Protein backbone atom coordinates (compact mmCIF):
# COMPACT_ATOMS: atom_id res chain seq x y z
CA MET A 1 118.66 93.40 124.54
CA TRP A 2 117.77 90.18 126.63
CA ARG A 3 114.21 90.73 125.48
CA THR A 4 114.97 90.60 122.07
CA ALA A 5 116.97 87.62 122.02
CA LYS A 6 114.44 85.78 124.06
CA TRP A 7 112.11 86.78 121.05
CA CYS A 8 114.40 85.96 118.27
CA THR A 9 114.62 82.35 119.93
CA ALA A 10 110.88 82.15 120.33
CA ILE A 11 110.28 83.19 116.77
CA VAL A 12 113.28 80.70 115.27
CA CYS A 13 111.93 77.79 117.12
CA ALA A 14 108.49 78.45 116.36
CA VAL A 15 109.64 78.88 112.36
CA LEU A 16 111.45 75.44 112.80
CA LEU A 17 108.72 73.67 114.53
CA LEU A 18 105.97 75.18 111.59
CA LEU A 19 108.58 73.40 109.23
CA LEU A 20 108.74 70.13 111.02
CA LEU A 21 104.95 70.09 111.14
CA TYR A 22 104.69 70.81 107.65
CA ASP A 23 106.98 67.85 106.50
CA ARG A 24 105.16 65.68 108.61
CA ALA A 25 101.50 66.85 107.50
CA VAL A 26 102.33 66.77 103.79
CA LEU A 27 102.72 63.77 102.01
CA ILE A 28 103.59 63.27 98.35
CA LEU A 29 102.70 59.84 96.73
CA TRP A 30 104.98 58.87 93.57
CA GLY A 31 105.15 56.15 91.09
CA GLY A 32 107.69 55.54 88.46
CA ARG A 33 109.71 52.91 86.86
CA THR A 34 113.21 51.03 87.16
CA ASP A 35 115.14 48.49 85.81
CA LEU A 36 115.47 45.74 88.52
CA THR A 37 118.78 43.68 88.13
CA VAL A 38 117.99 40.33 89.98
CA GLU A 39 120.99 37.94 90.81
CA PHE A 40 119.75 34.66 91.46
CA VAL A 41 122.21 32.45 93.51
CA VAL A 42 121.87 28.83 93.40
CA THR A 43 123.51 26.72 95.94
CA ASP A 44 123.78 23.27 97.31
CA GLY A 45 121.29 23.06 100.22
CA ARG A 46 123.56 20.60 102.27
CA THR A 47 126.76 22.23 101.94
CA GLY A 48 126.22 26.00 101.06
CA GLN A 49 128.41 25.77 97.70
CA PRO A 50 127.45 27.56 94.58
CA ILE A 51 126.29 25.08 91.76
CA ALA A 52 127.80 26.11 88.56
CA GLN A 53 125.70 25.56 85.07
CA ALA A 54 122.32 25.37 86.91
CA ALA A 55 119.65 25.95 84.20
CA ILE A 56 117.09 28.56 85.52
CA ASN A 57 113.49 29.21 83.85
CA LEU A 58 112.09 32.10 84.70
CA VAL A 59 108.03 32.76 83.91
CA ILE A 60 107.19 36.58 84.22
CA ASP A 61 103.79 37.68 84.05
CA GLU A 62 102.76 34.38 83.06
CA THR A 63 103.90 35.20 79.42
CA LYS A 64 107.57 36.06 79.29
CA THR A 65 109.78 33.16 79.48
CA HIS A 66 113.61 33.78 80.49
CA ALA A 67 116.30 30.73 80.35
CA LEU A 68 119.54 31.70 82.17
CA HIS A 69 122.66 29.70 83.54
CA THR A 70 124.67 30.19 86.53
CA ASP A 71 128.12 30.69 86.38
CA SER A 72 130.95 29.01 88.12
CA GLY A 73 130.09 30.98 91.43
CA GLY A 74 126.50 29.98 91.09
CA LYS A 75 125.07 33.48 89.94
CA ALA A 76 122.77 34.19 87.10
CA THR A 77 121.62 37.51 86.42
CA ILE A 78 118.79 39.26 84.44
CA THR A 79 117.39 42.86 84.45
CA ILE A 80 113.50 43.30 84.42
CA PRO A 81 111.81 46.64 84.01
CA CYS A 82 109.67 47.30 87.26
CA MET A 83 107.39 49.75 88.60
CA THR A 84 108.45 51.59 91.74
CA ALA A 85 106.37 53.66 94.05
CA GLY A 86 106.91 55.45 97.26
CA ARG A 87 106.14 58.31 99.73
CA GLN A 88 107.94 61.41 100.31
CA SER A 89 107.54 64.01 103.10
CA GLY A 90 106.55 67.76 102.22
CA LEU A 91 110.19 68.89 102.37
CA GLY A 92 111.67 65.84 101.62
CA LEU A 93 113.22 64.75 104.88
CA THR A 94 111.77 61.49 104.72
CA ASN A 95 111.59 59.59 101.42
CA SER A 96 110.39 55.47 101.21
CA SER A 97 110.32 53.58 97.98
CA SER A 98 109.51 49.99 97.10
CA VAL A 99 110.00 48.12 93.63
CA ILE A 100 106.93 46.44 92.49
CA PHE A 101 107.01 43.27 90.32
CA SER A 102 104.58 40.60 89.47
CA ASN A 103 104.80 37.35 91.18
CA TRP A 104 107.49 35.12 89.21
CA GLN A 105 107.60 31.70 88.54
CA ILE A 106 110.90 29.94 88.43
CA SER A 107 112.22 26.43 87.79
CA ILE A 108 115.76 25.07 88.32
CA THR A 109 117.78 22.20 87.07
CA ALA A 110 121.31 21.20 88.17
CA SER A 111 123.40 18.00 87.72
CA GLY A 112 123.20 15.85 90.92
CA HIS A 113 120.76 17.99 92.72
CA GLN A 114 116.84 17.65 92.70
CA SER A 115 114.97 19.91 90.39
CA LEU A 116 112.99 22.92 91.66
CA THR A 117 109.67 23.14 89.56
CA ASP A 118 107.63 26.21 89.37
CA ARG A 119 108.31 28.02 92.92
CA LEU A 120 106.66 30.93 92.99
CA ILE A 121 108.44 34.11 93.96
CA ARG A 122 106.26 36.41 95.52
CA TYR A 123 106.31 40.18 95.55
CA ALA A 124 105.46 40.45 99.08
CA ASP A 125 108.08 38.10 100.15
CA TYR A 126 111.08 40.17 98.39
CA LYS A 127 109.58 43.92 98.22
CA ASP A 128 112.02 45.47 100.60
CA THR A 129 115.21 43.39 99.48
CA SER A 130 116.16 45.62 96.41
CA GLN A 131 118.66 48.43 96.99
CA GLU A 132 118.54 51.63 94.95
CA ASN A 133 121.80 50.97 92.19
CA GLY A 134 121.62 54.47 90.32
CA PRO A 135 118.95 56.46 88.63
CA HIS A 136 116.29 54.29 87.65
CA ALA A 137 118.07 51.00 88.82
CA HIS A 138 117.75 48.87 91.45
CA ARG A 139 119.76 45.65 92.32
CA ALA A 140 118.33 42.45 94.48
CA SER A 141 119.61 39.13 95.04
CA ILE A 142 117.55 36.01 95.51
CA SER A 143 119.18 32.73 96.76
CA ILE A 144 117.90 29.37 96.14
CA PRO A 145 119.29 26.33 97.62
CA LEU A 146 119.01 22.95 95.93
CA ASP A 147 118.96 19.57 97.58
CA PRO A 148 121.13 16.94 96.44
CA GLU A 149 119.94 13.89 94.99
C-alpha cells in the first residue's frame, strides 16, 4: 500500500512538472485590434488644478486631425482604433499584451497658459499605461500640465 502511494505521488508530480514545462516551453504570439479610449487630463503646471475649455489638436498618423476641448474637470476623451499584440504561454497560465499605436502630435492652447505646440506622444512612453476595459477595448489616461503665462 505504501509503495502504491509513493508511485502515485511520483506520477502526479511528474505530470504536474511536465505540464509546467510545457506551459513555459510553448509560446503563442498573437495580434489583434482594440479601441483605445484616451483621456487627456490638462492641468495647471503650478497648482495642479484642471484647466477647463483647453483646445486640444491631436494629429494621428500625420494625416488624421482631431479637435477636442476639455470639460470642467480638465478632461477630453477620444476613442482611437489601435493594434494589440501579446504573448500567451502554452496552457494560458501567463498572458501579456500591449496596445500599439503610432506616435501622435498634440498641441494645446488654454486661456492664461502657455501653449503647447506639436508635442510628440511616443508609443514607447505610454505602451504599458493602458488597461483592458472590456472585449476589444482599452483605456489610457495622459496628463499634460501647462505653465501659466
